[in-house]
């Protein structure tokens, strides 16, 4: 899956395409971000070759948030996927509109 060359290209080094990104470094970066949100530790793991960069983690979280927002807008309702599958919901409580005045 990774692009291999005998010589490194001049300029910015691109090791692989985003569409062929290895899942383990991406998972490790997203997992670290979800647990401690520490930019330095993610970039340190990236320097060791264990994770994607912090910038890539931000790109992925932004893309995921956009997908969720688009799906909610298409369906007209915001409901988590794990709540929708195989669970019969009798009622739900929403405190967004709750006003104490």
PDB file of N, CA and C in Angstrom:
ATOM      1  N   UNK A   1       0.814  -1.194   0.000  1.00  0.00           N
ATOM      2  CA  UNK A   1       0.000   0.000   0.000  1.00  0.00           C
ATOM      3  C   UNK A   1       0.857   1.258   0.000  1.00  0.00           C
ATOM      4  N   UNK A   2       2.017   1.223   0.636  1.00  0.00           N
ATOM      5  CA  UNK A   2       2.854   2.408   0.704  1.00  0.00           C
ATOM      6  C   UNK A   2       3.611   2.589  -0.600  1.00  0.00           C
ATOM      7  N   UNK A   3       3.872   3.834  -0.959  1.00  0.00           N
ATOM      8  CA  UNK A   3       4.661   4.129  -2.144  1.00  0.00           C
ATOM      9  C   UNK A   3       6.133   3.939  -1.814  1.00  0.00           C
ATOM     10  N   UNK A   4       6.812   3.086  -2.555  1.00  0.00           N
ATOM     11  CA  UNK A   4       8.217   2.809  -2.300  1.00  0.00           C
ATOM     12  C   UNK A   4       9.039   3.297  -3.471  1.00  0.00           C
ATOM     13  N   UNK A   5      10.126   3.994  -3.181  1.00  0.00           N
ATOM     14  CA  UNK A   5      11.045   4.466  -4.217  1.00  0.00           C
ATOM     15  C   UNK A   5      12.465   4.244  -3.734  1.00  0.00           C
ATOM     16  N   UNK A   6      13.364   4.025  -4.676  1.00  0.00           N
ATOM     17  CA  UNK A   6      14.776   3.853  -4.336  1.00  0.00           C
ATOM     18  C   UNK A   6      15.348   5.140  -3.756  1.00  0.00           C
ATOM     19  N   UNK A   7      15.009   6.274  -4.378  1.00  0.00           N
ATOM     20  CA  UNK A   7      15.513   7.574  -3.923  1.00  0.00           C
ATOM     21  C   UNK A   7      14.353   8.385  -3.375  1.00  0.00           C
ATOM     22  N   UNK A   8      14.649   9.183  -2.366  1.00  0.00           N
ATOM     23  CA  UNK A   8      13.627  10.065  -1.822  1.00  0.00           C
ATOM     24  C   UNK A   8      13.417  11.238  -2.764  1.00  0.00           C
ATOM     25  N   UNK A   9      12.170  11.654  -2.982  1.00  0.00           N
ATOM     26  CA  UNK A   9      11.924  12.802  -3.857  1.00  0.00           C
ATOM     27  C   UNK A   9      12.399  14.098  -3.197  1.00  0.00           C
ATOM     28  N   UNK A  10      12.768  15.047  -4.036  1.00  0.00           N
ATOM     29  CA  UNK A  10      13.195  16.352  -3.533  1.00  0.00           C
ATOM     30  C   UNK A  10      11.984  17.129  -3.041  1.00  0.00           C
ATOM     31  N   UNK A  11      12.156  17.948  -2.034  1.00  0.00           N
ATOM     32  CA  UNK A  11      11.057  18.763  -1.517  1.00  0.00           C
ATOM     33  C   UNK A  11      10.280  18.021  -0.440  1.00  0.00           C
ATOM     34  N   UNK A  12       8.988  18.238  -0.430  1.00  0.00           N
ATOM     35  CA  UNK A  12       8.137  17.581   0.568  1.00  0.00           C
ATOM     36  C   UNK A  12       8.066  16.088   0.290  1.00  0.00           C
ATOM     37  N   UNK A  13       8.307  15.296   1.307  1.00  0.00           N
ATOM     38  CA  UNK A  13       8.280  13.852   1.170  1.00  0.00           C
ATOM     39  C   UNK A  13       6.883  13.350   1.500  1.00  0.00           C
ATOM     40  N   UNK A  14       6.264  12.691   0.522  1.00  0.00           N
ATOM     41  CA  UNK A  14       4.951  12.085   0.730  1.00  0.00           C
ATOM     42  C   UNK A  14       5.163  10.585   0.729  1.00  0.00           C
ATOM     43  N   UNK A  15       4.910   9.951   1.865  1.00  0.00           N
ATOM     44  CA  UNK A  15       5.188   8.526   1.991  1.00  0.00           C
ATOM     45  C   UNK A  15       4.063   7.668   1.416  1.00  0.00           C
ATOM     46  N   UNK A  16       2.861   8.160   1.464  1.00  0.00           N
ATOM     47  CA  UNK A  16       1.733   7.414   0.921  1.00  0.00           C
ATOM     48  C   UNK A  16       0.589   8.383   0.608  1.00  0.00           C
ATOM     49  N   UNK A  17      -0.332   7.900  -0.207  1.00  0.00           N
ATOM     50  CA  UNK A  17      -1.497   8.705  -0.543  1.00  0.00           C
ATOM     51  C   UNK A  17      -2.519   8.593   0.589  1.00  0.00           C
ATOM     52  N   UNK A  18      -3.362   9.617   0.733  1.00  0.00           N
ATOM     53  CA  UNK A  18      -4.385   9.592   1.786  1.00  0.00           C
ATOM     54  C   UNK A  18      -5.387   8.473   1.565  1.00  0.00           C
ATOM     55  N   UNK A  19      -5.636   8.120   0.317  1.00  0.00           N
ATOM     56  CA  UNK A  19      -6.593   7.037   0.054  1.00  0.00           C
ATOM     57  C   UNK A  19      -5.998   5.665   0.370  1.00  0.00           C
ATOM     58  N   UNK A  20      -4.674   5.586   0.530  1.00  0.00           N
ATOM     59  CA  UNK A  20      -3.996   4.337   0.876  1.00  0.00           C
ATOM     60  C   UNK A  20      -3.330   4.443   2.238  1.00  0.00           C
ATOM     61  N   UNK A  21      -3.913   5.232   3.115  1.00  0.00           N
ATOM     62  CA  UNK A  21      -3.317   5.477   4.421  1.00  0.00           C
ATOM     63  C   UNK A  21      -3.402   4.228   5.300  1.00  0.00           C
ATOM     64  N   UNK A  22      -2.310   3.827   5.932  1.00  0.00           N
ATOM     65  CA  UNK A  22      -2.360   2.662   6.818  1.00  0.00           C
ATOM     66  C   UNK A  22      -3.268   2.937   8.008  1.00  0.00           C
ATOM     67  N   UNK A  23      -4.113   1.987   8.381  1.00  0.00           N
ATOM     68  CA  UNK A  23      -5.083   2.250   9.435  1.00  0.00           C
ATOM     69  C   UNK A  23      -4.492   2.333  10.845  1.00  0.00           C
ATOM     70  N   UNK A  24      -3.413   1.613  11.132  1.00  0.00           N
ATOM     71  CA  UNK A  24      -2.888   1.601  12.495  1.00  0.00           C
ATOM     72  C   UNK A  24      -2.357   2.962  12.949  1.00  0.00           C
ATOM     73  N   UNK A  25      -1.508   3.657  12.167  1.00  0.00           N
ATOM     74  CA  UNK A  25      -1.073   4.982  12.612  1.00  0.00           C
ATOM     75  C   UNK A  25      -2.224   5.974  12.758  1.00  0.00           C
ATOM     76  N   UNK A  26      -3.211   5.858  11.898  1.00  0.00           N
ATOM     77  CA  UNK A  26      -4.385   6.731  11.995  1.00  0.00           C
ATOM     78  C   UNK A  26      -5.175   6.428  13.264  1.00  0.00           C
ATOM     79  N   UNK A  27      -5.355   5.152  13.550  1.00  0.00           N
ATOM     80  CA  UNK A  27      -6.058   4.756  14.769  1.00  0.00           C
ATOM     81  C   UNK A  27      -5.312   5.233  16.012  1.00  0.00           C
ATOM     82  N   UNK A  28      -3.992   5.059  16.040  1.00  0.00           N
ATOM     83  CA  UNK A  28      -3.214   5.481  17.200  1.00  0.00           C
ATOM     84  C   UNK A  28      -3.297   6.990  17.410  1.00  0.00           C
ATOM     85  N   UNK A  29      -3.227   7.754  16.329  1.00  0.00           N
ATOM     86  CA  UNK A  29      -3.327   9.204  16.444  1.00  0.00           C
ATOM     87  C   UNK A  29      -4.686   9.646  16.955  1.00  0.00           C
ATOM     88  N   UNK A  30      -5.755   9.053  16.403  1.00  0.00           N
ATOM     89  CA  UNK A  30      -7.103   9.404  16.850  1.00  0.00           C
ATOM     90  C   UNK A  30      -7.362   8.939  18.283  1.00  0.00           C
ATOM     91  N   UNK A  31      -6.815   7.788  18.638  1.00  0.00           N
ATOM     92  CA  UNK A  31      -6.980   7.279  19.993  1.00  0.00           C
ATOM     93  C   UNK A  31      -6.271   8.172  21.013  1.00  0.00           C
ATOM     94  N   UNK A  32      -5.039   8.580  20.704  1.00  0.00           N
ATOM     95  CA  UNK A  32      -4.305   9.479  21.599  1.00  0.00           C
ATOM     96  C   UNK A  32      -5.022  10.816  21.725  1.00  0.00           C
ATOM     97  N   UNK A  33      -5.552  11.307  20.623  1.00  0.00           N
ATOM     98  CA  UNK A  33      -6.264  12.585  20.643  1.00  0.00           C
ATOM     99  C   UNK A  33      -7.530  12.479  21.486  1.00  0.00           C
ATOM    100  N   UNK A  34      -8.209  11.355  21.395  1.00  0.00           N
ATOM    101  CA  UNK A  34      -9.427  11.165  22.169  1.00  0.00           C
ATOM    102  C   UNK A  34      -9.172  11.030  23.662  1.00  0.00           C
ATOM    103  N   UNK A  35      -8.010  10.520  24.028  1.00  0.00           N
ATOM    104  CA  UNK A  35      -7.722  10.296  25.445  1.00  0.00           C
ATOM    105  C   UNK A  35      -7.144  11.517  26.138  1.00  0.00           C
ATOM    106  N   UNK A  36      -6.179  12.199  25.485  1.00  0.00           N
ATOM    107  CA  UNK A  36      -5.534  13.309  26.203  1.00  0.00           C
ATOM    108  C   UNK A  36      -5.447  14.619  25.428  1.00  0.00           C
ATOM    109  N   UNK A  37      -5.744  14.609  24.143  1.00  0.00           N
ATOM    110  CA  UNK A  37      -5.730  15.824  23.315  1.00  0.00           C
ATOM    111  C   UNK A  37      -4.421  16.610  23.427  1.00  0.00           C
ATOM    112  N   UNK A  38      -3.320  15.886  23.575  1.00  0.00           N
ATOM    113  CA  UNK A  38      -2.016  16.509  23.733  1.00  0.00           C
ATOM    114  C   UNK A  38      -1.284  16.523  22.387  1.00  0.00           C
ATOM    115  N   UNK A  39      -1.083  17.710  21.851  1.00  0.00           N
ATOM    116  CA  UNK A  39      -0.446  17.873  20.545  1.00  0.00           C
ATOM    117  C   UNK A  39       0.988  17.350  20.567  1.00  0.00           C
ATOM    118  N   UNK A  40       1.704  17.612  21.652  1.00  0.00           N
ATOM    119  CA  UNK A  40       3.115  17.218  21.739  1.00  0.00           C
ATOM    120  C   UNK A  40       3.279  15.695  21.692  1.00  0.00           C
ATOM    121  N   UNK A  41       2.425  14.959  22.402  1.00  0.00           N
ATOM    122  CA  UNK A  41       2.570  13.498  22.415  1.00  0.00           C
ATOM    123  C   UNK A  41       2.219  12.896  21.055  1.00  0.00           C
ATOM    124  N   UNK A  42       1.234  13.457  20.376  1.00  0.00           N
ATOM    125  CA  UNK A  42       0.878  12.948  19.044  1.00  0.00           C
ATOM    126  C   UNK A  42       2.000  13.235  18.056  1.00  0.00           C
ATOM    127  N   UNK A  43       2.567  14.432  18.104  1.00  0.00           N
ATOM    128  CA  UNK A  43       3.673  14.753  17.208  1.00  0.00           C
ATOM    129  C   UNK A  43       4.924  13.945  17.541  1.00  0.00           C
ATOM    130  N   UNK A  44       5.130  13.613  18.812  1.00  0.00           N
ATOM    131  CA  UNK A  44       6.273  12.777  19.191  1.00  0.00           C
ATOM    132  C   UNK A  44       6.104  11.366  18.629  1.00  0.00           C
ATOM    133  N   UNK A  45       4.878  10.831  18.722  1.00  0.00           N
ATOM    134  CA  UNK A  45       4.614   9.516  18.139  1.00  0.00           C
ATOM    135  C   UNK A  45       4.748   9.556  16.616  1.00  0.00           C
ATOM    136  N   UNK A  46       4.379  10.686  16.025  1.00  0.00           N
ATOM    137  CA  UNK A  46       4.528  10.850  14.575  1.00  0.00           C
ATOM    138  C   UNK A  46       6.012  10.861  14.188  1.00  0.00           C
ATOM    139  N   UNK A  47       6.841  11.537  14.994  1.00  0.00           N
ATOM    140  CA  UNK A  47       8.277  11.573  14.713  1.00  0.00           C
ATOM    141  C   UNK A  47       8.899  10.186  14.816  1.00  0.00           C
ATOM    142  N   UNK A  48       8.341   9.334  15.669  1.00  0.00           N
ATOM    143  CA  UNK A  48       8.832   7.963  15.810  1.00  0.00           C
ATOM    144  C   UNK A  48       8.251   7.024  14.747  1.00  0.00           C
ATOM    145  N   UNK A  49       7.311   7.510  13.949  1.00  0.00           N
ATOM    146  CA  UNK A  49       6.706   6.714  12.890  1.00  0.00           C
ATOM    147  C   UNK A  49       5.563   5.841  13.360  1.00  0.00           C
ATOM    148  N   UNK A  50       5.032   6.117  14.550  1.00  0.00           N
ATOM    149  CA  UNK A  50       3.959   5.295  15.101  1.00  0.00           C
ATOM    150  C   UNK A  50       2.573   5.850  14.832  1.00  0.00           C
ATOM    151  N   UNK A  51       2.478   7.122  14.508  1.00  0.00           N
ATOM    152  CA  UNK A  51       1.180   7.770  14.386  1.00  0.00           C
ATOM    153  C   UNK A  51       1.211   8.770  13.234  1.00  0.00           C
ATOM    154  N   UNK A  52       0.043   9.226  12.852  1.00  0.00           N
ATOM    155  CA  UNK A  52      -0.046  10.326  11.892  1.00  0.00           C
ATOM    156  C   UNK A  52       0.204  11.631  12.644  1.00  0.00           C
ATOM    157  N   UNK A  53       0.418  12.700  11.915  1.00  0.00           N
ATOM    158  CA  UNK A  53       0.709  13.989  12.546  1.00  0.00           C
ATOM    159  C   UNK A  53      -0.549  14.570  13.193  1.00  0.00           C
ATOM    160  N   UNK A  54      -0.349  15.533  14.062  1.00  0.00           N
ATOM    161  CA  UNK A  54      -1.467  16.196  14.737  1.00  0.00           C
ATOM    162  C   UNK A  54      -2.350  16.913  13.724  1.00  0.00           C
ATOM    163  N   UNK A  55      -1.726  17.462  12.692  1.00  0.00           N
ATOM    164  CA  UNK A  55      -2.494  18.150  11.647  1.00  0.00           C
ATOM    165  C   UNK A  55      -3.434  17.172  10.942  1.00  0.00           C
ATOM    166  N   UNK A  56      -2.961  15.957  10.683  1.00  0.00           N
ATOM    167  CA  UNK A  56      -3.792  14.938  10.035  1.00  0.00           C
ATOM    168  C   UNK A  56      -4.927  14.497  10.961  1.00  0.00           C
ATOM    169  N   UNK A  57      -4.642  14.402  12.260  1.00  0.00           N
ATOM    170  CA  UNK A  57      -5.681  14.052  13.232  1.00  0.00           C
ATOM    171  C   UNK A  57      -6.772  15.120  13.218  1.00  0.00           C
ATOM    172  N   UNK A  58      -6.375  16.387  13.162  1.00  0.00           N
ATOM    173  CA  UNK A  58      -7.349  17.469  13.103  1.00  0.00           C
ATOM    174  C   UNK A  58      -8.164  17.410  11.820  1.00  0.00           C
ATOM    175  N   UNK A  59      -7.511  17.082  10.692  1.00  0.00           N
ATOM    176  CA  UNK A  59      -8.233  16.940   9.426  1.00  0.00           C
ATOM    177  C   UNK A  59      -9.278  15.837   9.528  1.00  0.00           C
ATOM    178  N   UNK A  60      -8.908  14.701  10.129  1.00  0.00           N
ATOM    179  CA  UNK A  60      -9.829  13.574  10.238  1.00  0.00           C
ATOM    180  C   UNK A  60     -11.001  13.895  11.166  1.00  0.00           C
ATOM    181  N   UNK A  61     -10.739  14.515  12.304  1.00  0.00           N
ATOM    182  CA  UNK A  61     -11.831  14.841  13.214  1.00  0.00           C
ATOM    183  C   UNK A  61     -12.767  15.871  12.590  1.00  0.00           C
ATOM    184  N   UNK A  62     -12.206  16.812  11.844  1.00  0.00           N
ATOM    185  CA  UNK A  62     -13.033  17.797  11.168  1.00  0.00           C
ATOM    186  C   UNK A  62     -13.906  17.133  10.098  1.00  0.00           C
ATOM    187  N   UNK A  63     -13.323  16.201   9.342  1.00  0.00           N
ATOM    188  CA  UNK A  63     -14.082  15.496   8.305  1.00  0.00           C
ATOM    189  C   UNK A  63     -15.195  14.654   8.926  1.00  0.00           C
ATOM    190  N   UNK A  64     -14.904  13.985  10.044  1.00  0.00           N
ATOM    191  CA  UNK A  64     -15.925  13.173  10.710  1.00  0.00           C
ATOM    192  C   UNK A  64     -17.061  14.034  11.251  1.00  0.00           C
ATOM    193  N   UNK A  65     -16.718  15.180  11.827  1.00  0.00           N
ATOM    194  CA  UNK A  65     -17.751  16.098  12.339  1.00  0.00           C
ATOM    195  C   UNK A  65     -18.629  16.620  11.212  1.00  0.00           C
ATOM    196  N   UNK A  66     -18.020  16.928  10.083  1.00  0.00           N
ATOM    197  CA  UNK A  66     -18.772  17.401   8.926  1.00  0.00           C
ATOM    198  C   UNK A  66     -19.724  16.328   8.420  1.00  0.00           C
ATOM    199  N   UNK A  67     -19.253  15.066   8.376  1.00  0.00           N
ATOM    200  CA  UNK A  67     -20.117  13.967   7.938  1.00  0.00           C
ATOM    201  C   UNK A  67     -21.314  13.795   8.866  1.00  0.00           C
ATOM    202  N   UNK A  68     -21.087  13.883  10.170  1.00  0.00           N
ATOM    203  CA  UNK A  68     -22.182  13.741  11.132  1.00  0.00           C
ATOM    204  C   UNK A  68     -23.186  14.882  10.976  1.00  0.00           C
ATOM    205  N   UNK A  69     -22.675  16.098  10.812  1.00  0.00           N
ATOM    206  CA  UNK A  69     -23.569  17.251  10.647  1.00  0.00           C
ATOM    207  C   UNK A  69     -24.374  17.145   9.361  1.00  0.00           C
ATOM    208  N   UNK A  70     -23.746  16.722   8.276  1.00  0.00           N
ATOM    209  CA  UNK A  70     -24.464  16.556   7.007  1.00  0.00           C
ATOM    210  C   UNK A  70     -25.535  15.481   7.107  1.00  0.00           C
ATOM    211  N   UNK A  71     -25.196  14.370   7.772  1.00  0.00           N
ATOM    212  CA  UNK A  71     -26.181  13.294   7.924  1.00  0.00           C
ATOM    213  C   UNK A  71     -27.368  13.748   8.768  1.00  0.00           C
ATOM    214  N   UNK A  72     -27.097  14.483   9.837  1.00  0.00           N
ATOM    215  CA  UNK A  72     -28.178  14.984  10.687  1.00  0.00           C
ATOM    216  C   UNK A  72     -29.064  15.952   9.916  1.00  0.00           C
ATOM    217  N   UNK A  73     -28.450  16.761   9.063  1.00  0.00           N
ATOM    218  CA  UNK A  73     -29.223  17.719   8.276  1.00  0.00           C
ATOM    219  C   UNK A  73     -30.084  16.999   7.237  1.00  0.00           C
ATOM    220  N   UNK A  74     -29.544  15.942   6.621  1.00  0.00           N
ATOM    221  CA  UNK A  74     -30.310  15.184   5.630  1.00  0.00           C
ATOM    222  C   UNK A  74     -31.503  14.478   6.266  1.00  0.00           C
ATOM    223  N   UNK A  75     -31.280  13.877   7.437  1.00  0.00           N
ATOM    224  CA  UNK A  75     -32.340  13.118   8.096  1.00  0.00           C
ATOM    225  C   UNK A  75     -33.275  14.001   8.909  1.00  0.00           C
ATOM    226  N   UNK A  76     -32.842  15.220   9.201  1.00  0.00           N
ATOM    227  CA  UNK A  76     -33.674  16.135   9.959  1.00  0.00           C
ATOM    228  C   UNK A  76     -33.703  15.854  11.450  1.00  0.00           C
ATOM    229  N   UNK A  77     -32.856  14.956  11.918  1.00  0.00           N
ATOM    230  CA  UNK A  77     -32.800  14.623  13.336  1.00  0.00           C
ATOM    231  C   UNK A  77     -31.382  14.204  13.688  1.00  0.00           C
ATOM    232  N   UNK A  78     -30.961  14.522  14.903  1.00  0.00           N
ATOM    233  CA  UNK A  78     -29.638  14.128  15.364  1.00  0.00           C
ATOM    234  C   UNK A  78     -29.799  12.999  16.370  1.00  0.00           C
ATOM    235  N   UNK A  79     -29.367  11.815  15.967  1.00  0.00           N
ATOM    236  CA  UNK A  79     -29.501  10.638  16.817  1.00  0.00           C
ATOM    237  C   UNK A  79     -28.250   9.782  16.644  1.00  0.00           C
ATOM    238  N   UNK A  80     -27.586   9.401  17.734  1.00  0.00           N
ATOM    239  CA  UNK A  80     -26.385   8.569  17.615  1.00  0.00           C
ATOM    240  C   UNK A  80     -26.686   7.224  16.965  1.00  0.00           C
ATOM    241  N   UNK A  81     -25.735   6.725  16.182  1.00  0.00           N
ATOM    242  CA  UNK A  81     -25.930   5.459  15.489  1.00  0.00           C
ATOM    243  C   UNK A  81     -26.147   4.305  16.456  1.00  0.00           C
ATOM    244  N   UNK A  82     -25.426   4.293  17.594  1.00  0.00           N
ATOM    245  CA  UNK A  82     -25.581   3.172  18.520  1.00  0.00           C
ATOM    246  C   UNK A  82     -26.952   3.175  19.181  1.00  0.00           C
ATOM    247  N   UNK A  83     -27.636   4.303  19.215  1.00  0.00           N
ATOM    248  CA  UNK A  83     -28.983   4.366  19.755  1.00  0.00           C
ATOM    249  C   UNK A  83     -30.002   3.870  18.732  1.00  0.00           C
ATOM    250  N   UNK A  84     -29.699   4.034  17.467  1.00  0.00           N
ATOM    251  CA  UNK A  84     -30.650   3.692  16.413  1.00  0.00           C
ATOM    252  C   UNK A  84     -30.709   2.202  16.121  1.00  0.00           C
ATOM    253  N   UNK A  85     -29.600   1.471  16.251  1.00  0.00           N
ATOM    254  CA  UNK A  85     -29.564   0.067  15.857  1.00  0.00           C
ATOM    255  C   UNK A  85     -30.106  -0.840  16.950  1.00  0.00           C
ATOM    256  N   UNK A  86     -31.162  -1.522  16.686  1.00  0.00           N
ATOM    257  CA  UNK A  86     -31.662  -2.564  17.546  1.00  0.00           C
ATOM    258  C   UNK A  86     -32.199  -2.115  18.899  1.00  0.00           C
ATOM    259  N   UNK A  87     -32.413  -0.844  19.096  1.00  0.00           N
ATOM    260  CA  UNK A  87     -32.922  -0.343  20.366  1.00  0.00           C
ATOM    261  C   UNK A  87     -34.252   0.349  20.117  1.00  0.00           C
ATOM    262  N   UNK A  88     -35.263  -0.087  20.821  1.00  0.00           N
ATOM    263  CA  UNK A  88     -36.571   0.549  20.727  1.00  0.00           C
ATOM    264  C   UNK A  88     -36.599   1.709  21.715  1.00  0.00           C
ATOM    265  N   UNK A  89     -36.698   2.918  21.210  1.00  0.00           N
ATOM    266  CA  UNK A  89     -36.685   4.103  22.058  1.00  0.00           C
ATOM    267  C   UNK A  89     -38.113   4.541  22.339  1.00  0.00           C
ATOM    268  N   UNK A  90     -38.475   4.548  23.606  1.00  0.00           N
ATOM    269  CA  UNK A  90     -39.812   4.960  24.012  1.00  0.00           C
ATOM    270  C   UNK A  90     -39.878   6.469  24.111  1.00  0.00           C
ATOM    271  N   UNK A  91     -38.842   7.071  24.646  1.00  0.00           N
ATOM    272  CA  UNK A  91     -38.818   8.520  24.804  1.00  0.00           C
ATOM    273  C   UNK A  91     -37.396   9.016  24.891  1.00  0.00           C
ATOM    274  N   UNK A  92     -37.246  10.290  24.683  1.00  0.00           N
ATOM    275  CA  UNK A  92     -35.927  10.904  24.779  1.00  0.00           C
ATOM    276  C   UNK A  92     -36.086  12.269  25.415  1.00  0.00           C
ATOM    277  N   UNK A  93     -35.057  12.727  26.094  1.00  0.00           N
ATOM    278  CA  UNK A  93     -35.083  14.019  26.763  1.00  0.00           C
ATOM    279  C   UNK A  93     -34.015  14.908  26.169  1.00  0.00           C
ATOM    280  N   UNK A  94     -34.385  16.114  25.868  1.00  0.00           N
ATOM    281  CA  UNK A  94     -33.464  17.074  25.271  1.00  0.00           C
ATOM    282  C   UNK A  94     -33.490  18.339  26.112  1.00  0.00           C
ATOM    283  N   UNK A  95     -32.350  18.736  26.650  1.00  0.00           N
ATOM    284  CA  UNK A  95     -32.310  19.932  27.483  1.00  0.00           C
ATOM    285  C   UNK A  95     -31.717  21.146  26.760  1.00  0.00           C
ATOM    286  N   UNK A  96     -31.612  21.082  25.454  1.00  0.00           N
ATOM    287  CA  UNK A  96     -31.056  22.204  24.701  1.00  0.00           C
ATOM    288  C   UNK A  96     -31.946  23.429  24.812  1.00  0.00           C
ATOM    289  N   UNK A  97     -33.263  23.227  24.765  1.00  0.00           N
ATOM    290  CA  UNK A  97     -34.207  24.337  24.799  1.00  0.00           C
ATOM    291  C   UNK A  97     -34.645  24.687  26.223  1.00  0.00           C
ATOM    292  N   UNK A  98     -34.071  24.026  27.197  1.00  0.00           N
ATOM    293  CA  UNK A  98     -34.483  24.254  28.587  1.00  0.00           C
ATOM    294  C   UNK A  98     -34.030  25.636  29.053  1.00  0.00           C
ATOM    295  N   UNK A  99     -34.968  26.433  29.531  1.00  0.00           N
ATOM    296  CA  UNK A  99     -34.661  27.789  29.971  1.00  0.00           C
ATOM    297  C   UNK A  99     -35.156  27.942  31.410  1.00  0.00           C
ATOM    298  N   UNK A 100     -34.254  28.315  32.310  1.00  0.00           N
ATOM    299  CA  UNK A 100     -34.584  28.411  33.722  1.00  0.00           C
ATOM    300  C   UNK A 100     -35.305  29.721  34.088  1.00  0.00           C
ATOM    301  N   UNK A 101     -35.444  30.662  33.195  1.00  0.00           N
ATOM    302  CA  UNK A 101     -36.024  31.980  33.499  1.00  0.00           C
ATOM    303  C   UNK A 101     -37.479  31.919  33.855  1.00  0.00           C
TER     304      UNK A 101
END
